[in-house]
């Protein structure tokens, strides 16, 4: 739950704690963070590989296969982030005030809509 020290800085969504750099998650699972950073570094390498494939005029179907791989890796990061958001940020907001809960419901509907496209 959002502690009293940060309650006056609560972000509009009702889950994040605002600081000078912007919104922050209520809590982040350190293992999930570590896994996501490893995945994102691997994705970064895959994207650099894609750039090289395009520069080298590689076969289009091979490039498309690698693009699919990058997209799936990004979806995996997104699923992990969504899981953390539901477990921590959304749970805290839903347990909070009615206003925080309603803002979180709207945010979740929007997230699910964007993720489903």
PDB file of N, CA and C in Angstrom:
ATOM      1  N   UNK A   1       0.826  -1.172   0.000  1.00  0.00           N
ATOM      2  CA  UNK A   1       0.000   0.000   0.000  1.00  0.00           C
ATOM      3  C   UNK A   1       0.875   1.241   0.000  1.00  0.00           C
ATOM      4  N   UNK A   2       0.373   2.334  -0.501  1.00  0.00           N
ATOM      5  CA  UNK A   2       1.114   3.577  -0.555  1.00  0.00           C
ATOM      6  C   UNK A   2       1.250   4.104   0.861  1.00  0.00           C
ATOM      7  N   UNK A   3       2.493   4.402   1.276  1.00  0.00           N
ATOM      8  CA  UNK A   3       2.663   4.856   2.647  1.00  0.00           C
ATOM      9  C   UNK A   3       2.283   6.323   2.796  1.00  0.00           C
ATOM     10  N   UNK A   4       2.028   6.727   4.034  1.00  0.00           N
ATOM     11  CA  UNK A   4       1.557   8.076   4.317  1.00  0.00           C
ATOM     12  C   UNK A   4       2.569   9.125   3.884  1.00  0.00           C
ATOM     13  N   UNK A   5       3.857   8.817   3.973  1.00  0.00           N
ATOM     14  CA  UNK A   5       4.904   9.750   3.595  1.00  0.00           C
ATOM     15  C   UNK A   5       4.758  10.211   2.148  1.00  0.00           C
ATOM     16  N   UNK A   6       4.282   9.305   1.269  1.00  0.00           N
ATOM     17  CA  UNK A   6       4.157   9.627  -0.153  1.00  0.00           C
ATOM     18  C   UNK A   6       2.723   9.890  -0.591  1.00  0.00           C
ATOM     19  N   UNK A   7       1.776   9.834   0.300  1.00  0.00           N
ATOM     20  CA  UNK A   7       0.381   9.911  -0.117  1.00  0.00           C
ATOM     21  C   UNK A   7       0.050  11.213  -0.819  1.00  0.00           C
ATOM     22  N   UNK A   8       0.699  12.324  -0.416  1.00  0.00           N
ATOM     23  CA  UNK A   8       0.405  13.587  -1.075  1.00  0.00           C
ATOM     24  C   UNK A   8       1.011  13.657  -2.467  1.00  0.00           C
ATOM     25  N   UNK A   9       1.911  12.718  -2.799  1.00  0.00           N
ATOM     26  CA  UNK A   9       2.564  12.695  -4.105  1.00  0.00           C
ATOM     27  C   UNK A   9       2.020  11.593  -5.001  1.00  0.00           C
ATOM     28  N   UNK A  10       0.901  11.024  -4.661  1.00  0.00           N
ATOM     29  CA  UNK A  10       0.354   9.920  -5.426  1.00  0.00           C
ATOM     30  C   UNK A  10       0.050  10.370  -6.852  1.00  0.00           C
ATOM     31  N   UNK A  11       0.462   9.567  -7.822  1.00  0.00           N
ATOM     32  CA  UNK A  11       0.213   9.876  -9.224  1.00  0.00           C
ATOM     33  C   UNK A  11      -1.268   9.766  -9.535  1.00  0.00           C
ATOM     34  N   UNK A  12      -1.676  10.348 -10.645  1.00  0.00           N
ATOM     35  CA  UNK A  12      -3.082  10.393 -11.012  1.00  0.00           C
ATOM     36  C   UNK A  12      -3.716   9.011 -11.121  1.00  0.00           C
ATOM     37  N   UNK A  13      -2.925   7.991 -11.452  1.00  0.00           N
ATOM     38  CA  UNK A  13      -3.499   6.655 -11.592  1.00  0.00           C
ATOM     39  C   UNK A  13      -3.791   6.025 -10.247  1.00  0.00           C
ATOM     40  N   UNK A  14      -3.275   6.612  -9.174  1.00  0.00           N
ATOM     41  CA  UNK A  14      -3.547   6.056  -7.858  1.00  0.00           C
ATOM     42  C   UNK A  14      -2.628   4.929  -7.460  1.00  0.00           C
ATOM     43  N   UNK A  15      -1.646   4.597  -8.291  1.00  0.00           N
ATOM     44  CA  UNK A  15      -0.755   3.500  -7.918  1.00  0.00           C
ATOM     45  C   UNK A  15       0.671   3.959  -7.741  1.00  0.00           C
ATOM     46  N   UNK A  16       1.122   4.853  -8.567  1.00  0.00           N
ATOM     47  CA  UNK A  16       2.521   5.244  -8.548  1.00  0.00           C
ATOM     48  C   UNK A  16       2.800   6.316  -7.525  1.00  0.00           C
ATOM     49  N   UNK A  17       4.009   6.313  -7.026  1.00  0.00           N
ATOM     50  CA  UNK A  17       4.459   7.346  -6.115  1.00  0.00           C
ATOM     51  C   UNK A  17       5.284   8.315  -6.947  1.00  0.00           C
ATOM     52  N   UNK A  18       4.933   9.595  -6.898  1.00  0.00           N
ATOM     53  CA  UNK A  18       5.641  10.585  -7.696  1.00  0.00           C
ATOM     54  C   UNK A  18       6.910  11.021  -6.992  1.00  0.00           C
ATOM     55  N   UNK A  19       7.957  11.239  -7.772  1.00  0.00           N
ATOM     56  CA  UNK A  19       9.172  11.850  -7.266  1.00  0.00           C
ATOM     57  C   UNK A  19       9.636  12.842  -8.323  1.00  0.00           C
ATOM     58  N   UNK A  20      10.825  13.388  -8.162  1.00  0.00           N
ATOM     59  CA  UNK A  20      11.313  14.385  -9.110  1.00  0.00           C
ATOM     60  C   UNK A  20      11.469  13.835 -10.515  1.00  0.00           C
ATOM     61  N   UNK A  21      11.691  12.532 -10.645  1.00  0.00           N
ATOM     62  CA  UNK A  21      11.897  11.910 -11.955  1.00  0.00           C
ATOM     63  C   UNK A  21      10.591  11.433 -12.593  1.00  0.00           C
ATOM     64  N   UNK A  22       9.480  11.495 -11.889  1.00  0.00           N
ATOM     65  CA  UNK A  22       8.204  11.031 -12.426  1.00  0.00           C
ATOM     66  C   UNK A  22       7.597   9.957 -11.553  1.00  0.00           C
ATOM     67  N   UNK A  23       6.662   9.201 -12.125  1.00  0.00           N
ATOM     68  CA  UNK A  23       5.997   8.147 -11.360  1.00  0.00           C
ATOM     69  C   UNK A  23       6.925   6.980 -11.122  1.00  0.00           C
ATOM     70  N   UNK A  24       6.763   6.342  -9.981  1.00  0.00           N
ATOM     71  CA  UNK A  24       7.524   5.143  -9.628  1.00  0.00           C
ATOM     72  C   UNK A  24       6.531   4.061  -9.236  1.00  0.00           C
ATOM     73  N   UNK A  25       6.899   2.820  -9.460  1.00  0.00           N
ATOM     74  CA  UNK A  25       6.063   1.697  -9.054  1.00  0.00           C
ATOM     75  C   UNK A  25       5.976   1.644  -7.534  1.00  0.00           C
ATOM     76  N   UNK A  26       4.861   1.160  -7.028  1.00  0.00           N
ATOM     77  CA  UNK A  26       4.696   0.987  -5.589  1.00  0.00           C
ATOM     78  C   UNK A  26       5.716  -0.018  -5.079  1.00  0.00           C
ATOM     79  N   UNK A  27       5.913  -1.108  -5.799  1.00  0.00           N
ATOM     80  CA  UNK A  27       6.898  -2.126  -5.445  1.00  0.00           C
ATOM     81  C   UNK A  27       7.317  -2.840  -6.720  1.00  0.00           C
ATOM     82  N   UNK A  28       8.555  -3.293  -6.731  1.00  0.00           N
ATOM     83  CA  UNK A  28       9.061  -4.041  -7.880  1.00  0.00           C
ATOM     84  C   UNK A  28       9.750  -5.289  -7.347  1.00  0.00           C
ATOM     85  N   UNK A  29       9.312  -6.449  -7.838  1.00  0.00           N
ATOM     86  CA  UNK A  29       9.940  -7.713  -7.470  1.00  0.00           C
ATOM     87  C   UNK A  29      11.369  -7.698  -8.010  1.00  0.00           C
ATOM     88  N   UNK A  30      12.393  -7.788  -7.145  1.00  0.00           N
ATOM     89  CA  UNK A  30      13.776  -7.710  -7.620  1.00  0.00           C
ATOM     90  C   UNK A  30      14.158  -8.819  -8.609  1.00  0.00           C
ATOM     91  N   UNK A  31      13.591 -10.008  -8.440  1.00  0.00           N
ATOM     92  CA  UNK A  31      13.873 -11.093  -9.392  1.00  0.00           C
ATOM     93  C   UNK A  31      13.273 -10.785 -10.758  1.00  0.00           C
ATOM     94  N   UNK A  32      12.062 -10.247 -10.760  1.00  0.00           N
ATOM     95  CA  UNK A  32      11.411  -9.881 -12.023  1.00  0.00           C
ATOM     96  C   UNK A  32      12.195  -8.755 -12.705  1.00  0.00           C
ATOM     97  N   UNK A  33      12.650  -7.799 -11.928  1.00  0.00           N
ATOM     98  CA  UNK A  33      13.437  -6.694 -12.486  1.00  0.00           C
ATOM     99  C   UNK A  33      14.699  -7.233 -13.142  1.00  0.00           C
ATOM    100  N   UNK A  34      15.374  -8.128 -12.455  1.00  0.00           N
ATOM    101  CA  UNK A  34      16.598  -8.721 -12.988  1.00  0.00           C
ATOM    102  C   UNK A  34      16.320  -9.483 -14.284  1.00  0.00           C
ATOM    103  N   UNK A  35      15.256 -10.291 -14.282  1.00  0.00           N
ATOM    104  CA  UNK A  35      14.894 -11.049 -15.495  1.00  0.00           C
ATOM    105  C   UNK A  35      14.577 -10.104 -16.651  1.00  0.00           C
ATOM    106  N   UNK A  36      13.850  -9.027 -16.354  1.00  0.00           N
ATOM    107  CA  UNK A  36      13.486  -8.075 -17.405  1.00  0.00           C
ATOM    108  C   UNK A  36      14.705  -7.366 -17.966  1.00  0.00           C
ATOM    109  N   UNK A  37      15.643  -7.000 -17.107  1.00  0.00           N
ATOM    110  CA  UNK A  37      16.857  -6.342 -17.590  1.00  0.00           C
ATOM    111  C   UNK A  37      17.665  -7.271 -18.482  1.00  0.00           C
ATOM    112  N   UNK A  38      17.759  -8.546 -18.114  1.00  0.00           N
ATOM    113  CA  UNK A  38      18.462  -9.522 -18.961  1.00  0.00           C
ATOM    114  C   UNK A  38      17.751  -9.646 -20.307  1.00  0.00           C
ATOM    115  N   UNK A  39      16.424  -9.760 -20.269  1.00  0.00           N
ATOM    116  CA  UNK A  39      15.659  -9.870 -21.522  1.00  0.00           C
ATOM    117  C   UNK A  39      15.859  -8.638 -22.390  1.00  0.00           C
ATOM    118  N   UNK A  40      15.792  -7.452 -21.777  1.00  0.00           N
ATOM    119  CA  UNK A  40      15.919  -6.215 -22.553  1.00  0.00           C
ATOM    120  C   UNK A  40      17.310  -6.069 -23.160  1.00  0.00           C
ATOM    121  N   UNK A  41      18.324  -6.499 -22.458  1.00  0.00           N
ATOM    122  CA  UNK A  41      19.678  -6.465 -23.035  1.00  0.00           C
ATOM    123  C   UNK A  41      19.783  -7.432 -24.223  1.00  0.00           C
ATOM    124  N   UNK A  42      19.158  -8.594 -24.074  1.00  0.00           N
ATOM    125  CA  UNK A  42      19.160  -9.558 -25.181  1.00  0.00           C
ATOM    126  C   UNK A  42      18.394  -8.978 -26.376  1.00  0.00           C
ATOM    127  N   UNK A  43      17.263  -8.332 -26.109  1.00  0.00           N
ATOM    128  CA  UNK A  43      16.473  -7.713 -27.181  1.00  0.00           C
ATOM    129  C   UNK A  43      17.287  -6.625 -27.869  1.00  0.00           C
ATOM    130  N   UNK A  44      18.002  -5.843 -27.077  1.00  0.00           N
ATOM    131  CA  UNK A  44      18.857  -4.802 -27.641  1.00  0.00           C
ATOM    132  C   UNK A  44      19.861  -5.401 -28.628  1.00  0.00           C
ATOM    133  N   UNK A  45      20.449  -6.516 -28.247  1.00  0.00           N
ATOM    134  CA  UNK A  45      21.380  -7.204 -29.140  1.00  0.00           C
ATOM    135  C   UNK A  45      20.691  -7.732 -30.386  1.00  0.00           C
ATOM    136  N   UNK A  46      19.477  -8.247 -30.207  1.00  0.00           N
ATOM    137  CA  UNK A  46      18.724  -8.747 -31.361  1.00  0.00           C
ATOM    138  C   UNK A  46      18.406  -7.612 -32.334  1.00  0.00           C
ATOM    139  N   UNK A  47      18.061  -6.442 -31.814  1.00  0.00           N
ATOM    140  CA  UNK A  47      17.742  -5.298 -32.678  1.00  0.00           C
ATOM    141  C   UNK A  47      18.995  -4.843 -33.427  1.00  0.00           C
ATOM    142  N   UNK A  48      20.134  -4.832 -32.746  1.00  0.00           N
ATOM    143  CA  UNK A  48      21.378  -4.503 -33.449  1.00  0.00           C
ATOM    144  C   UNK A  48      21.651  -5.533 -34.552  1.00  0.00           C
ATOM    145  N   UNK A  49      21.355  -6.804 -34.268  1.00  0.00           N
ATOM    146  CA  UNK A  49      21.504  -7.841 -35.287  1.00  0.00           C
ATOM    147  C   UNK A  49      20.577  -7.608 -36.472  1.00  0.00           C
ATOM    148  N   UNK A  50      19.361  -7.153 -36.182  1.00  0.00           N
ATOM    149  CA  UNK A  50      18.419  -6.836 -37.262  1.00  0.00           C
ATOM    150  C   UNK A  50      18.952  -5.702 -38.134  1.00  0.00           C
ATOM    151  N   UNK A  51      19.507  -4.689 -37.499  1.00  0.00           N
ATOM    152  CA  UNK A  51      20.077  -3.578 -38.268  1.00  0.00           C
ATOM    153  C   UNK A  51      21.169  -4.076 -39.206  1.00  0.00           C
ATOM    154  N   UNK A  52      22.015  -4.949 -38.701  1.00  0.00           N
ATOM    155  CA  UNK A  52      23.096  -5.498 -39.520  1.00  0.00           C
ATOM    156  C   UNK A  52      22.536  -6.341 -40.661  1.00  0.00           C
ATOM    157  N   UNK A  53      21.490  -7.118 -40.366  1.00  0.00           N
ATOM    158  CA  UNK A  53      20.875  -7.933 -41.420  1.00  0.00           C
ATOM    159  C   UNK A  53      20.347  -7.050 -42.544  1.00  0.00           C
ATOM    160  N   UNK A  54      19.709  -5.937 -42.182  1.00  0.00           N
ATOM    161  CA  UNK A  54      19.181  -5.018 -43.203  1.00  0.00           C
ATOM    162  C   UNK A  54      20.338  -4.384 -43.974  1.00  0.00           C
ATOM    163  N   UNK A  55      21.375  -3.935 -43.242  1.00  0.00           N
ATOM    164  CA  UNK A  55      22.540  -3.344 -43.909  1.00  0.00           C
ATOM    165  C   UNK A  55      23.172  -4.325 -44.889  1.00  0.00           C
ATOM    166  N   UNK A  56      23.191  -5.595 -44.527  1.00  0.00           N
ATOM    167  CA  UNK A  56      23.832  -6.628 -45.349  1.00  0.00           C
ATOM    168  C   UNK A  56      22.907  -7.215 -46.411  1.00  0.00           C
ATOM    169  N   UNK A  57      21.716  -6.623 -46.573  1.00  0.00           N
ATOM    170  CA  UNK A  57      20.749  -7.100 -47.575  1.00  0.00           C
ATOM    171  C   UNK A  57      20.430  -8.575 -47.411  1.00  0.00           C
ATOM    172  N   UNK A  58      20.245  -9.005 -46.162  1.00  0.00           N
ATOM    173  CA  UNK A  58      19.916 -10.397 -45.893  1.00  0.00           C
ATOM    174  C   UNK A  58      18.525 -10.721 -46.418  1.00  0.00           C
ATOM    175  N   UNK A  59      18.248 -11.981 -46.570  1.00  0.00           N
ATOM    176  CA  UNK A  59      16.982 -12.485 -47.092  1.00  0.00           C
ATOM    177  C   UNK A  59      15.828 -11.984 -46.221  1.00  0.00           C
ATOM    178  N   UNK A  60      14.816 -11.412 -46.856  1.00  0.00           N
ATOM    179  CA  UNK A  60      13.703 -10.771 -46.147  1.00  0.00           C
ATOM    180  C   UNK A  60      13.007 -11.705 -45.153  1.00  0.00           C
ATOM    181  N   UNK A  61      12.796 -12.945 -45.557  1.00  0.00           N
ATOM    182  CA  UNK A  61      12.105 -13.889 -44.675  1.00  0.00           C
ATOM    183  C   UNK A  61      12.922 -14.142 -43.399  1.00  0.00           C
ATOM    184  N   UNK A  62      14.246 -14.159 -43.515  1.00  0.00           N
ATOM    185  CA  UNK A  62      15.089 -14.340 -42.329  1.00  0.00           C
ATOM    186  C   UNK A  62      14.968 -13.139 -41.394  1.00  0.00           C
ATOM    187  N   UNK A  63      14.925 -11.951 -41.967  1.00  0.00           N
ATOM    188  CA  UNK A  63      14.761 -10.737 -41.156  1.00  0.00           C
ATOM    189  C   UNK A  63      13.409 -10.756 -40.456  1.00  0.00           C
ATOM    190  N   UNK A  64      12.369 -11.135 -41.184  1.00  0.00           N
ATOM    191  CA  UNK A  64      11.024 -11.178 -40.601  1.00  0.00           C
ATOM    192  C   UNK A  64      10.954 -12.185 -39.452  1.00  0.00           C
ATOM    193  N   UNK A  65      11.641 -13.304 -39.593  1.00  0.00           N
ATOM    194  CA  UNK A  65      11.685 -14.299 -38.519  1.00  0.00           C
ATOM    195  C   UNK A  65      12.319 -13.699 -37.270  1.00  0.00           C
ATOM    196  N   UNK A  66      13.399 -12.952 -37.454  1.00  0.00           N
ATOM    197  CA  UNK A  66      14.061 -12.317 -36.310  1.00  0.00           C
ATOM    198  C   UNK A  66      13.202 -11.217 -35.692  1.00  0.00           C
ATOM    199  N   UNK A  67      12.457 -10.499 -36.511  1.00  0.00           N
ATOM    200  CA  UNK A  67      11.534  -9.480 -35.998  1.00  0.00           C
ATOM    201  C   UNK A  67      10.481 -10.136 -35.117  1.00  0.00           C
ATOM    202  N   UNK A  68       9.951 -11.272 -35.550  1.00  0.00           N
ATOM    203  CA  UNK A  68       8.964 -12.001 -34.740  1.00  0.00           C
ATOM    204  C   UNK A  68       9.549 -12.406 -33.399  1.00  0.00           C
ATOM    205  N   UNK A  69      10.797 -12.810 -33.404  1.00  0.00           N
ATOM    206  CA  UNK A  69      11.472 -13.202 -32.174  1.00  0.00           C
ATOM    207  C   UNK A  69      11.598 -12.013 -31.210  1.00  0.00           C
ATOM    208  N   UNK A  70      11.958 -10.863 -31.740  1.00  0.00           N
ATOM    209  CA  UNK A  70      12.070  -9.655 -30.913  1.00  0.00           C
ATOM    210  C   UNK A  70      10.702  -9.267 -30.356  1.00  0.00           C
ATOM    211  N   UNK A  71       9.679  -9.330 -31.189  1.00  0.00           N
ATOM    212  CA  UNK A  71       8.332  -8.974 -30.727  1.00  0.00           C
ATOM    213  C   UNK A  71       7.880  -9.894 -29.596  1.00  0.00           C
ATOM    214  N   UNK A  72       8.140 -11.178 -29.703  1.00  0.00           N
ATOM    215  CA  UNK A  72       7.755 -12.112 -28.643  1.00  0.00           C
ATOM    216  C   UNK A  72       8.539 -11.844 -27.368  1.00  0.00           C
ATOM    217  N   UNK A  73       9.810 -11.521 -27.508  1.00  0.00           N
ATOM    218  CA  UNK A  73      10.624 -11.194 -26.331  1.00  0.00           C
ATOM    219  C   UNK A  73      10.084  -9.941 -25.640  1.00  0.00           C
ATOM    220  N   UNK A  74       9.682  -8.950 -26.407  1.00  0.00           N
ATOM    221  CA  UNK A  74       9.082  -7.740 -25.820  1.00  0.00           C
ATOM    222  C   UNK A  74       7.751  -8.062 -25.138  1.00  0.00           C
ATOM    223  N   UNK A  75       6.967  -8.944 -25.752  1.00  0.00           N
ATOM    224  CA  UNK A  75       5.703  -9.351 -25.112  1.00  0.00           C
ATOM    225  C   UNK A  75       5.970 -10.034 -23.774  1.00  0.00           C
ATOM    226  N   UNK A  76       7.047 -10.824 -23.692  1.00  0.00           N
ATOM    227  CA  UNK A  76       7.387 -11.487 -22.430  1.00  0.00           C
ATOM    228  C   UNK A  76       7.729 -10.462 -21.355  1.00  0.00           C
ATOM    229  N   UNK A  77       8.467  -9.423 -21.713  1.00  0.00           N
ATOM    230  CA  UNK A  77       8.766  -8.349 -20.764  1.00  0.00           C
ATOM    231  C   UNK A  77       7.473  -7.665 -20.350  1.00  0.00           C
ATOM    232  N   UNK A  78       6.602  -7.412 -21.308  1.00  0.00           N
ATOM    233  CA  UNK A  78       5.317  -6.774 -21.010  1.00  0.00           C
ATOM    234  C   UNK A  78       4.470  -7.600 -20.056  1.00  0.00           C
ATOM    235  N   UNK A  79       4.446  -8.911 -20.259  1.00  0.00           N
ATOM    236  CA  UNK A  79       3.678  -9.782 -19.352  1.00  0.00           C
ATOM    237  C   UNK A  79       4.231  -9.719 -17.933  1.00  0.00           C
ATOM    238  N   UNK A  80       5.548  -9.728 -17.818  1.00  0.00           N
ATOM    239  CA  UNK A  80       6.183  -9.658 -16.502  1.00  0.00           C
ATOM    240  C   UNK A  80       5.872  -8.321 -15.823  1.00  0.00           C
ATOM    241  N   UNK A  81       5.930  -7.241 -16.585  1.00  0.00           N
ATOM    242  CA  UNK A  81       5.605  -5.918 -16.033  1.00  0.00           C
ATOM    243  C   UNK A  81       4.135  -5.828 -15.640  1.00  0.00           C
ATOM    244  N   UNK A  82       3.260  -6.376 -16.455  1.00  0.00           N
ATOM    245  CA  UNK A  82       1.835  -6.364 -16.135  1.00  0.00           C
ATOM    246  C   UNK A  82       1.567  -7.168 -14.871  1.00  0.00           C
ATOM    247  N   UNK A  83       2.211  -8.311 -14.739  1.00  0.00           N
ATOM    248  CA  UNK A  83       2.066  -9.134 -13.533  1.00  0.00           C
ATOM    249  C   UNK A  83       2.481  -8.334 -12.298  1.00  0.00           C
ATOM    250  N   UNK A  84       3.622  -7.640 -12.378  1.00  0.00           N
ATOM    251  CA  UNK A  84       4.088  -6.829 -11.253  1.00  0.00           C
ATOM    252  C   UNK A  84       3.108  -5.693 -10.972  1.00  0.00           C
ATOM    253  N   UNK A  85       2.615  -5.055 -12.031  1.00  0.00           N
ATOM    254  CA  UNK A  85       1.667  -3.945 -11.882  1.00  0.00           C
ATOM    255  C   UNK A  85       0.391  -4.411 -11.182  1.00  0.00           C
ATOM    256  N   UNK A  86      -0.114  -5.559 -11.584  1.00  0.00           N
ATOM    257  CA  UNK A  86      -1.334  -6.082 -10.949  1.00  0.00           C
ATOM    258  C   UNK A  86      -1.071  -6.467  -9.497  1.00  0.00           C
ATOM    259  N   UNK A  87       0.054  -7.126  -9.255  1.00  0.00           N
ATOM    260  CA  UNK A  87       0.370  -7.627  -7.917  1.00  0.00           C
ATOM    261  C   UNK A  87       0.607  -6.496  -6.920  1.00  0.00           C
ATOM    262  N   UNK A  88       1.240  -5.437  -7.356  1.00  0.00           N
ATOM    263  CA  UNK A  88       1.633  -4.393  -6.417  1.00  0.00           C
ATOM    264  C   UNK A  88       0.846  -3.097  -6.607  1.00  0.00           C
ATOM    265  N   UNK A  89       1.033  -2.446  -7.745  1.00  0.00           N
ATOM    266  CA  UNK A  89       0.443  -1.125  -7.963  1.00  0.00           C
ATOM    267  C   UNK A  89      -1.085  -1.181  -7.974  1.00  0.00           C
ATOM    268  N   UNK A  90      -1.635  -2.081  -8.787  1.00  0.00           N
ATOM    269  CA  UNK A  90      -3.092  -2.164  -8.882  1.00  0.00           C
ATOM    270  C   UNK A  90      -3.699  -2.616  -7.571  1.00  0.00           C
ATOM    271  N   UNK A  91      -3.095  -3.598  -6.927  1.00  0.00           N
ATOM    272  CA  UNK A  91      -3.634  -4.090  -5.655  1.00  0.00           C
ATOM    273  C   UNK A  91      -3.667  -2.977  -4.621  1.00  0.00           C
ATOM    274  N   UNK A  92      -2.603  -2.171  -4.546  1.00  0.00           N
ATOM    275  CA  UNK A  92      -2.558  -1.069  -3.582  1.00  0.00           C
ATOM    276  C   UNK A  92      -3.634  -0.032  -3.887  1.00  0.00           C
ATOM    277  N   UNK A  93      -3.795   0.312  -5.159  1.00  0.00           N
ATOM    278  CA  UNK A  93      -4.786   1.314  -5.530  1.00  0.00           C
ATOM    279  C   UNK A  93      -6.209   0.815  -5.279  1.00  0.00           C
ATOM    280  N   UNK A  94      -6.468  -0.431  -5.593  1.00  0.00           N
ATOM    281  CA  UNK A  94      -7.807  -0.990  -5.419  1.00  0.00           C
ATOM    282  C   UNK A  94      -8.164  -1.075  -3.943  1.00  0.00           C
ATOM    283  N   UNK A  95      -7.159  -1.309  -3.092  1.00  0.00           N
ATOM    284  CA  UNK A  95      -7.396  -1.337  -1.649  1.00  0.00           C
ATOM    285  C   UNK A  95      -7.503   0.070  -1.062  1.00  0.00           C
ATOM    286  N   UNK A  96      -7.128   1.071  -1.838  1.00  0.00           N
ATOM    287  CA  UNK A  96      -7.155   2.450  -1.367  1.00  0.00           C
ATOM    288  C   UNK A  96      -8.556   3.032  -1.423  1.00  0.00           C
ATOM    289  N   UNK A  97      -8.627   4.300  -1.717  1.00  0.00           N
ATOM    290  CA  UNK A  97      -9.917   4.990  -1.764  1.00  0.00           C
ATOM    291  C   UNK A  97     -10.720   4.549  -2.983  1.00  0.00           C
ATOM    292  N   UNK A  98     -12.000   4.851  -2.959  1.00  0.00           N
ATOM    293  CA  UNK A  98     -12.851   4.547  -4.122  1.00  0.00           C
ATOM    294  C   UNK A  98     -12.332   5.265  -5.361  1.00  0.00           C
ATOM    295  N   UNK A  99     -11.856   6.491  -5.191  1.00  0.00           N
ATOM    296  CA  UNK A  99     -11.330   7.255  -6.326  1.00  0.00           C
ATOM    297  C   UNK A  99     -10.088   6.568  -6.906  1.00  0.00           C
ATOM    298  N   UNK A 100      -9.174   6.132  -6.038  1.00  0.00           N
ATOM    299  CA  UNK A 100      -7.979   5.419  -6.507  1.00  0.00           C
ATOM    300  C   UNK A 100      -8.366   4.126  -7.215  1.00  0.00           C
ATOM    301  N   UNK A 101      -9.312   3.405  -6.649  1.00  0.00           N
ATOM    302  CA  UNK A 101      -9.741   2.139  -7.249  1.00  0.00           C
ATOM    303  C   UNK A 101     -10.346   2.381  -8.626  1.00  0.00           C
ATOM    304  N   UNK A 102     -11.218   3.364  -8.748  1.00  0.00           N
ATOM    305  CA  UNK A 102     -11.854   3.650 -10.034  1.00  0.00           C
ATOM    306  C   UNK A 102     -10.839   4.098 -11.076  1.00  0.00           C
ATOM    307  N   UNK A 103      -9.860   4.911 -10.663  1.00  0.00           N
ATOM    308  CA  UNK A 103      -8.810   5.322 -11.595  1.00  0.00           C
ATOM    309  C   UNK A 103      -7.999   4.112 -12.058  1.00  0.00           C
ATOM    310  N   UNK A 104      -7.744   3.190 -11.130  1.00  0.00           N
ATOM    311  CA  UNK A 104      -6.983   1.993 -11.488  1.00  0.00           C
ATOM    312  C   UNK A 104      -7.786   1.107 -12.431  1.00  0.00           C
ATOM    313  N   UNK A 105      -9.074   0.948 -12.188  1.00  0.00           N
ATOM    314  CA  UNK A 105      -9.900   0.145 -13.098  1.00  0.00           C
ATOM    315  C   UNK A 105      -9.822   0.714 -14.509  1.00  0.00           C
ATOM    316  N   UNK A 106      -9.926   2.055 -14.636  1.00  0.00           N
ATOM    317  CA  UNK A 106      -9.834   2.688 -15.949  1.00  0.00           C
ATOM    318  C   UNK A 106      -8.463   2.447 -16.580  1.00  0.00           C
ATOM    319  N   UNK A 107      -7.419   2.571 -15.765  1.00  0.00           N
ATOM    320  CA  UNK A 107      -6.070   2.348 -16.278  1.00  0.00           C
ATOM    321  C   UNK A 107      -5.902   0.911 -16.768  1.00  0.00           C
ATOM    322  N   UNK A 108      -6.402  -0.053 -15.995  1.00  0.00           N
ATOM    323  CA  UNK A 108      -6.274  -1.462 -16.382  1.00  0.00           C
ATOM    324  C   UNK A 108      -7.038  -1.768 -17.661  1.00  0.00           C
ATOM    325  N   UNK A 109      -8.234  -1.224 -17.794  1.00  0.00           N
ATOM    326  CA  UNK A 109      -9.004  -1.438 -19.023  1.00  0.00           C
ATOM    327  C   UNK A 109      -8.225  -0.893 -20.213  1.00  0.00           C
ATOM    328  N   UNK A 110      -7.647   0.281 -20.053  1.00  0.00           N
ATOM    329  CA  UNK A 110      -6.859   0.875 -21.126  1.00  0.00           C
ATOM    330  C   UNK A 110      -5.625   0.029 -21.446  1.00  0.00           C
ATOM    331  N   UNK A 111      -4.935  -0.459 -20.406  1.00  0.00           N
ATOM    332  CA  UNK A 111      -3.760  -1.313 -20.623  1.00  0.00           C
ATOM    333  C   UNK A 111      -4.131  -2.591 -21.362  1.00  0.00           C
ATOM    334  N   UNK A 112      -5.211  -3.241 -20.934  1.00  0.00           N
ATOM    335  CA  UNK A 112      -5.629  -4.478 -21.581  1.00  0.00           C
ATOM    336  C   UNK A 112      -6.028  -4.225 -23.031  1.00  0.00           C
ATOM    337  N   UNK A 113      -6.677  -3.094 -23.285  1.00  0.00           N
ATOM    338  CA  UNK A 113      -7.068  -2.761 -24.653  1.00  0.00           C
ATOM    339  C   UNK A 113      -5.828  -2.584 -25.536  1.00  0.00           C
ATOM    340  N   UNK A 114      -4.859  -1.803 -25.032  1.00  0.00           N
ATOM    341  CA  UNK A 114      -3.635  -1.561 -25.822  1.00  0.00           C
ATOM    342  C   UNK A 114      -2.842  -2.841 -26.019  1.00  0.00           C
ATOM    343  N   UNK A 115      -2.766  -3.680 -24.995  1.00  0.00           N
ATOM    344  CA  UNK A 115      -2.012  -4.933 -25.088  1.00  0.00           C
ATOM    345  C   UNK A 115      -2.668  -5.909 -26.063  1.00  0.00           C
ATOM    346  N   UNK A 116      -3.980  -5.826 -26.213  1.00  0.00           N
ATOM    347  CA  UNK A 116      -4.700  -6.752 -27.077  1.00  0.00           C
ATOM    348  C   UNK A 116      -4.668  -6.394 -28.548  1.00  0.00           C
ATOM    349  N   UNK A 117      -4.139  -5.250 -28.871  1.00  0.00           N
ATOM    350  CA  UNK A 117      -4.091  -4.817 -30.279  1.00  0.00           C
ATOM    351  C   UNK A 117      -2.924  -5.394 -31.005  1.00  0.00           C
TER     352      UNK A 117
END
